[in-house]
């Protein structure tokens, strides 16, 4: 049987598709993966994709709206961008991911835990995965020399310190790339994090200005960190006060931390959409954020004086 796997928009190897590949290959089926690379950004041009014929076609969609650009009959869709209910066949869970369908990849990906204790308005994890619970061992995930764990809130798992200690003991080069909950830091888990053979920046989140005092308190547990070794996801919504958004970014810059702007999709329909685009372009390019201020960045980025002045004005008015 010919099986076609469509990765609509993943930027990393798709675990569900890799498990489907492993399962179908165990049945003797011929498996092929196609990466469509549809962008998340709603203002980007998206070209519809019509898959070639196959006996069975699966498509994983991460971002809402992208399923509309995969055109064909009898396609089995799944993923957060399609719905929160569709699951891959339970039989696939016993299979290790088939990384051969992503031949250029040299990193293992996986979830030690699923779910979260929080209920953030912009996040679908609680609805999709429920409360925090362990789903896999470290050893069952690691297939490469580097690992990126996709857990949404591992520090909320009661036994998370035993898992961190295991990573230290096994000297596994890894990162929790969905972020760690800085509100749950204490001296013990921070010490363990400092001893892990860590890959890249330690990622946290600063999603609301009201957490500033608590974050400042928890930063004391990160005394071991080096300048710009911490990165914070910064969620932005048009309904959030601009002053609080600018203050979060300035606080991170003053404390030698990196921001990564996470724009709500409604930002593109906002009257300040150009400003949000400029802000993300500035903050999400590490080399630019480190060496220049926002005003200098705007002068280098644009020739349109009205665009420059508008973004400058919004920034300065909200400092």
Protein backbone atom coordinates (compact mmCIF):
# COMPACT_ATOMS: atom_id res chain seq x y z
CA UNK A 1 0.00 0.00 0.00
CA UNK A 2 1.20 3.51 -0.85
CA UNK A 3 0.99 5.91 2.11
CA UNK A 4 1.50 9.66 1.74
CA UNK A 5 2.25 11.80 4.80
CA UNK A 6 1.73 15.56 4.45
CA UNK A 7 3.49 17.89 6.88
CA UNK A 8 1.56 21.10 6.24
CA UNK A 9 3.45 23.56 8.40
CA UNK A 10 5.71 22.00 11.05
CA UNK A 11 9.08 23.69 11.49
CA UNK A 12 10.48 20.63 13.28
CA UNK A 13 10.05 16.89 12.66
CA UNK A 14 6.42 15.97 13.26
CA UNK A 15 6.18 13.23 15.88
CA UNK A 16 2.70 12.03 14.88
CA UNK A 17 3.74 11.60 11.24
CA UNK A 18 6.95 9.82 12.24
CA UNK A 19 4.98 7.35 14.35
CA UNK A 20 2.53 6.79 11.50
CA UNK A 21 5.49 6.13 9.21
CA UNK A 22 6.99 3.58 11.60
CA UNK A 23 3.65 1.79 11.94
CA UNK A 24 2.93 1.62 8.21
CA UNK A 25 6.47 0.49 7.39
CA UNK A 26 6.05 -2.35 9.92
CA UNK A 27 3.07 -3.45 7.81
CA UNK A 28 5.22 -3.43 4.68
CA UNK A 29 3.70 -0.25 3.26
CA UNK A 30 5.56 2.24 1.09
CA UNK A 31 5.71 5.59 2.94
CA UNK A 32 6.52 9.03 1.53
CA UNK A 33 6.61 12.40 3.33
CA UNK A 34 5.90 15.76 1.69
CA UNK A 35 6.65 19.01 3.54
CA UNK A 36 4.45 21.85 2.30
CA UNK A 37 5.92 24.55 4.57
CA UNK A 38 2.79 26.69 4.74
CA UNK A 39 3.53 29.84 6.78
CA UNK A 40 1.75 30.69 10.01
CA UNK A 41 1.56 34.38 9.25
CA UNK A 42 -1.90 35.23 7.87
CA UNK A 43 -0.56 38.01 5.63
CA UNK A 44 1.81 35.68 3.79
CA UNK A 45 0.91 34.23 0.40
CA UNK A 46 -0.10 30.59 0.64
CA UNK A 47 -0.15 28.31 -2.38
CA UNK A 48 -2.70 25.47 -2.31
CA UNK A 49 -1.18 21.99 -2.35
CA UNK A 50 -2.79 19.12 -4.24
CA UNK A 51 -1.24 15.78 -3.21
CA UNK A 52 -0.56 13.04 -5.69
CA UNK A 53 -2.53 9.83 -5.49
CA UNK A 54 -1.95 7.35 -2.67
CA UNK A 55 -3.89 4.55 -1.04
CA UNK A 56 -3.94 6.47 2.24
CA UNK A 57 -3.12 10.12 2.90
CA UNK A 58 -2.54 11.71 6.31
CA UNK A 59 -2.03 15.43 6.86
CA UNK A 60 -0.84 17.13 10.05
CA UNK A 61 -1.71 20.82 10.48
CA UNK A 62 -0.30 22.91 13.32
CA UNK A 63 -1.75 26.36 12.56
CA UNK A 64 -5.41 27.23 12.13
CA UNK A 65 -6.52 27.92 8.57
CA UNK A 66 -3.72 26.00 6.88
CA UNK A 67 -5.86 22.89 6.36
CA UNK A 68 -7.82 24.89 3.78
CA UNK A 69 -4.75 24.93 1.54
CA UNK A 70 -4.42 21.13 1.37
CA UNK A 71 -6.80 20.18 -1.43
CA UNK A 72 -7.99 16.64 -2.08
CA UNK A 73 -10.41 13.85 -1.24
CA UNK A 74 -10.09 11.20 1.47
CA UNK A 75 -7.31 13.02 3.35
CA UNK A 76 -7.14 12.17 7.04
CA UNK A 77 -6.45 15.46 8.81
CA UNK A 78 -5.19 15.95 12.33
CA UNK A 79 -3.24 18.36 14.48
CA UNK A 80 -3.96 21.45 16.56
CA UNK A 81 -4.61 23.51 13.44
CA UNK A 82 -7.38 21.12 12.38
CA UNK A 83 -9.09 20.14 15.60
CA UNK A 84 -8.28 19.10 19.17
CA UNK A 85 -10.05 15.74 19.06
CA UNK A 86 -8.58 13.73 16.18
CA UNK A 87 -5.90 11.29 17.33
CA UNK A 88 -3.56 9.03 15.41
CA UNK A 89 -4.37 5.30 15.79
CA UNK A 90 -3.50 4.15 19.32
CA UNK A 91 -1.46 1.26 17.90
CA UNK A 92 1.16 3.79 16.71
CA UNK A 93 2.05 4.74 20.29
CA UNK A 94 4.15 1.58 20.69
CA UNK A 95 6.41 2.64 17.80
CA UNK A 96 9.46 4.86 18.01
CA UNK A 97 9.36 7.86 15.67
CA UNK A 98 10.78 7.17 12.22
CA UNK A 99 13.31 9.98 11.81
CA UNK A 100 14.37 8.66 8.40
CA UNK A 101 11.55 10.66 6.79
CA UNK A 102 13.38 13.82 7.95
CA UNK A 103 16.87 12.85 6.68
CA UNK A 104 18.51 16.22 7.45
CA UNK A 105 17.48 16.22 11.09
CA UNK A 106 20.01 15.49 13.85
CA UNK A 107 17.90 16.24 16.96
CA UNK A 108 15.48 14.06 18.90
CA UNK A 109 12.10 15.51 19.86
CA UNK A 110 9.54 14.26 22.33
CA UNK A 111 7.29 14.77 25.33
CA UNK A 112 8.16 13.49 28.78
CA UNK A 113 4.90 15.04 29.96
CA UNK A 114 1.68 16.25 28.44
CA UNK A 115 -0.75 18.82 29.78
CA UNK A 116 -0.37 21.80 32.09
CA UNK A 117 -1.58 23.15 35.44
CA UNK A 118 -2.27 26.61 33.96
CA UNK A 119 -5.28 27.78 31.97
CA UNK A 120 -3.92 30.65 29.86
CA UNK A 121 -6.54 32.23 27.60
CA UNK A 122 -4.36 31.93 24.47
CA UNK A 123 -3.26 28.31 25.01
CA UNK A 124 -4.99 25.12 23.82
CA UNK A 125 -2.84 22.69 25.81
CA UNK A 126 -5.25 22.17 28.76
CA UNK A 127 -8.15 21.55 26.39
CA UNK A 128 -6.15 19.20 24.19
CA UNK A 129 -3.96 17.38 26.72
CA UNK A 130 -5.54 17.95 30.13
CA UNK A 131 -3.72 18.30 33.42
CA UNK A 132 0.01 17.65 33.70
CA UNK A 133 0.92 13.95 33.51
CA UNK A 134 3.93 11.88 32.52
CA UNK A 135 3.76 10.03 29.20
CA UNK A 136 7.31 8.85 28.40
CA UNK A 137 10.75 8.19 29.83
CA UNK A 138 13.83 10.15 28.85
CA UNK A 139 15.45 7.06 27.30
CA UNK A 140 12.45 6.37 25.08
CA UNK A 141 12.84 9.82 23.46
CA UNK A 142 16.59 10.07 22.93
CA UNK A 143 17.79 8.84 19.51
CA UNK A 144 20.35 11.55 18.72
CA UNK A 145 23.18 13.37 20.49
CA UNK A 146 20.92 16.39 20.98
CA UNK A 147 17.36 16.46 22.31
CA UNK A 148 14.62 19.08 22.41
CA UNK A 149 11.85 18.24 24.85
CA UNK A 150 8.46 19.67 23.86
CA UNK A 151 6.87 19.61 27.34
CA UNK A 152 4.62 22.57 28.04
CA UNK A 153 5.20 22.80 31.78
CA UNK A 154 7.51 20.10 33.11
CA UNK A 155 8.30 22.04 36.30
CA UNK A 156 4.69 21.51 37.38
CA UNK A 157 5.13 17.70 37.43
CA UNK A 158 5.61 16.62 41.07
CA UNK A 159 8.58 14.38 40.17
CA UNK A 160 10.24 16.84 37.78
CA UNK A 161 13.36 17.13 39.96
CA UNK A 162 14.06 13.43 39.54
CA UNK A 163 13.82 13.88 35.75
CA UNK A 164 16.17 16.88 35.80
CA UNK A 165 18.61 14.92 37.94
CA UNK A 166 18.50 12.07 35.40
CA UNK A 167 19.37 14.51 32.61
CA UNK A 168 22.31 15.77 34.67
CA UNK A 169 23.51 12.26 35.51
CA UNK A 170 23.30 11.09 31.87
CA UNK A 171 24.84 14.32 30.53
CA UNK A 172 22.19 14.59 27.84
CA UNK A 173 22.57 17.71 25.69
CA UNK A 174 19.04 19.05 25.69
CA UNK A 175 16.62 21.95 25.84
CA UNK A 176 13.02 22.43 26.95
CA UNK A 177 12.15 24.52 23.92
CA UNK A 178 8.50 25.22 24.75
CA UNK A 179 9.64 27.12 27.82
CA UNK A 180 9.91 26.60 31.55
CA UNK A 181 7.50 28.15 34.05
CA UNK A 182 9.65 30.65 35.94
CA UNK A 183 6.93 30.95 38.60
CA UNK A 184 7.79 27.39 39.70
CA UNK A 185 11.52 27.92 40.12
CA UNK A 186 13.17 27.22 43.46
CA UNK A 187 16.76 26.84 44.55
CA UNK A 188 16.79 23.08 43.96
CA UNK A 189 15.37 22.86 40.44
CA UNK A 190 17.37 25.93 39.39
CA UNK A 191 20.57 24.28 40.58
CA UNK A 192 19.70 21.17 38.57
CA UNK A 193 18.99 23.26 35.46
CA UNK A 194 22.40 24.91 35.80
CA UNK A 195 24.09 21.49 35.75
CA UNK A 196 22.29 20.11 32.68
CA UNK A 197 24.30 19.99 29.44
CA UNK A 198 21.95 22.63 28.06
CA UNK A 199 21.36 23.37 24.38
CA UNK A 200 21.01 27.08 23.58
CA UNK A 201 19.10 29.51 25.77
CA UNK A 202 16.98 28.66 28.78
CA UNK A 203 13.48 29.66 27.72
CA UNK A 204 10.82 31.12 30.04
CA UNK A 205 7.80 33.38 29.47
CA UNK A 206 6.84 36.94 30.38
CA UNK A 207 3.28 37.06 29.10
CA UNK A 208 1.87 39.77 31.34
CA UNK A 209 3.37 42.82 33.06
CA UNK A 210 1.60 41.85 36.30
CA UNK A 211 4.15 39.02 36.74
CA UNK A 212 7.11 41.43 36.83
CA UNK A 213 7.57 41.41 40.61
CA UNK A 214 7.34 37.62 40.82
CA UNK A 215 9.73 37.18 37.88
CA UNK A 216 12.23 39.53 39.53
CA UNK A 217 12.02 37.44 42.70
CA UNK A 218 12.52 34.17 40.81
CA UNK A 219 15.44 35.58 38.84
CA UNK A 220 17.44 35.45 42.07
CA UNK A 221 17.47 31.65 41.70
CA UNK A 222 19.16 32.09 38.30
CA UNK A 223 22.26 33.77 39.71
CA UNK A 224 24.38 31.36 37.65
CA UNK A 225 23.09 32.54 34.28
CA UNK A 226 25.26 34.44 31.81
CA UNK A 227 24.16 37.57 29.90
CA UNK A 228 21.59 36.74 27.21
CA UNK A 229 21.48 33.08 28.30
CA UNK A 230 17.80 33.48 29.17
CA UNK A 231 15.09 33.93 26.55
CA UNK A 232 11.50 34.91 27.36
CA UNK A 233 8.46 34.32 25.18
CA UNK A 234 6.52 37.61 25.14
CA UNK A 235 2.87 37.12 24.22
CA UNK A 236 1.25 40.15 22.57
CA UNK A 237 -2.44 40.83 21.94
CA UNK A 238 -3.90 44.08 20.54
CA UNK A 239 -6.09 44.41 23.65
CA UNK A 240 -3.03 44.49 25.92
CA UNK A 241 -1.88 48.01 26.90
CA UNK A 242 1.01 48.96 24.62
CA UNK A 243 2.84 50.48 27.55
CA UNK A 244 2.95 47.10 29.29
CA UNK A 245 4.27 45.43 26.13
CA UNK A 246 7.04 48.01 25.71
CA UNK A 247 7.91 47.84 29.42
CA UNK A 248 8.28 44.05 29.25
CA UNK A 249 10.72 44.35 26.36
CA UNK A 250 12.70 47.13 28.02
CA UNK A 251 12.88 45.18 31.28
CA UNK A 252 14.31 42.18 29.43
CA UNK A 253 16.86 44.34 27.63
CA UNK A 254 17.94 46.01 30.88
CA UNK A 255 18.38 42.59 32.49
CA UNK A 256 20.36 41.13 29.54
CA UNK A 257 17.59 38.70 28.59
CA UNK A 258 16.33 37.94 25.09
CA UNK A 259 12.67 38.42 24.14
CA UNK A 260 10.84 36.34 21.55
CA UNK A 261 7.63 38.04 20.46
CA UNK A 262 4.63 35.71 20.14
CA UNK A 263 1.90 37.65 18.31
CA UNK A 264 -1.73 36.69 18.67
CA UNK A 265 -3.22 36.25 15.20
CA UNK A 266 -5.47 39.25 15.86
CA UNK A 267 -2.37 41.49 15.76
CA UNK A 268 -2.50 41.38 11.95
CA UNK A 269 -5.95 42.99 11.92
CA UNK A 270 -5.00 45.62 14.50
CA UNK A 271 -4.61 49.32 13.73
CA UNK A 272 -1.08 48.90 15.12
CA UNK A 273 -0.23 45.88 12.96
CA UNK A 274 2.83 47.58 11.41
CA UNK A 275 4.17 48.39 14.86
CA UNK A 276 3.74 44.78 15.99
CA UNK A 277 5.56 43.58 12.86
CA UNK A 278 8.44 45.97 13.56
CA UNK A 279 8.55 44.95 17.20
CA UNK A 280 8.77 41.25 16.34
CA UNK A 281 11.40 41.88 13.68
CA UNK A 282 13.50 43.79 16.22
CA UNK A 283 13.14 41.48 19.20
CA UNK A 284 13.30 38.15 17.39
CA UNK A 285 16.61 38.86 15.68
CA UNK A 286 19.09 38.37 18.49
CA UNK A 287 22.05 40.10 16.89
CA UNK A 288 20.00 43.25 16.25
CA UNK A 289 18.31 43.33 19.65
CA UNK A 290 21.66 43.07 21.42
CA UNK A 291 23.51 45.82 19.58
CA UNK A 292 20.98 48.58 18.86
CA UNK A 293 17.89 50.34 20.16
CA UNK A 294 14.48 50.20 18.54
CA UNK A 295 14.75 53.64 16.90
CA UNK A 296 18.07 52.80 15.23
CA UNK A 297 16.63 49.49 14.07
CA UNK A 298 13.68 51.28 12.43
CA UNK A 299 15.99 53.65 10.54
CA UNK A 300 17.94 50.70 9.19
CA UNK A 301 14.84 48.62 8.39
CA UNK A 302 12.67 51.14 6.54
CA UNK A 303 12.97 53.90 3.96
CA UNK A 304 9.35 54.97 4.46
CA UNK A 305 9.59 57.93 6.86
CA UNK A 306 5.92 57.77 7.84
CA UNK A 307 6.30 54.11 8.82
CA UNK A 308 9.42 54.91 10.85
CA UNK A 309 7.82 57.84 12.66
CA UNK A 310 4.64 55.96 13.49
CA UNK A 311 6.49 53.04 15.10
CA UNK A 312 8.86 55.42 16.88
CA UNK A 313 5.94 57.42 18.23
CA UNK A 314 4.13 54.36 19.58
CA UNK A 315 7.33 53.15 21.21
CA UNK A 316 8.21 56.50 22.79
CA UNK A 317 4.68 57.22 23.97
CA UNK A 318 4.62 53.93 25.84
CA UNK A 319 8.07 53.89 27.42
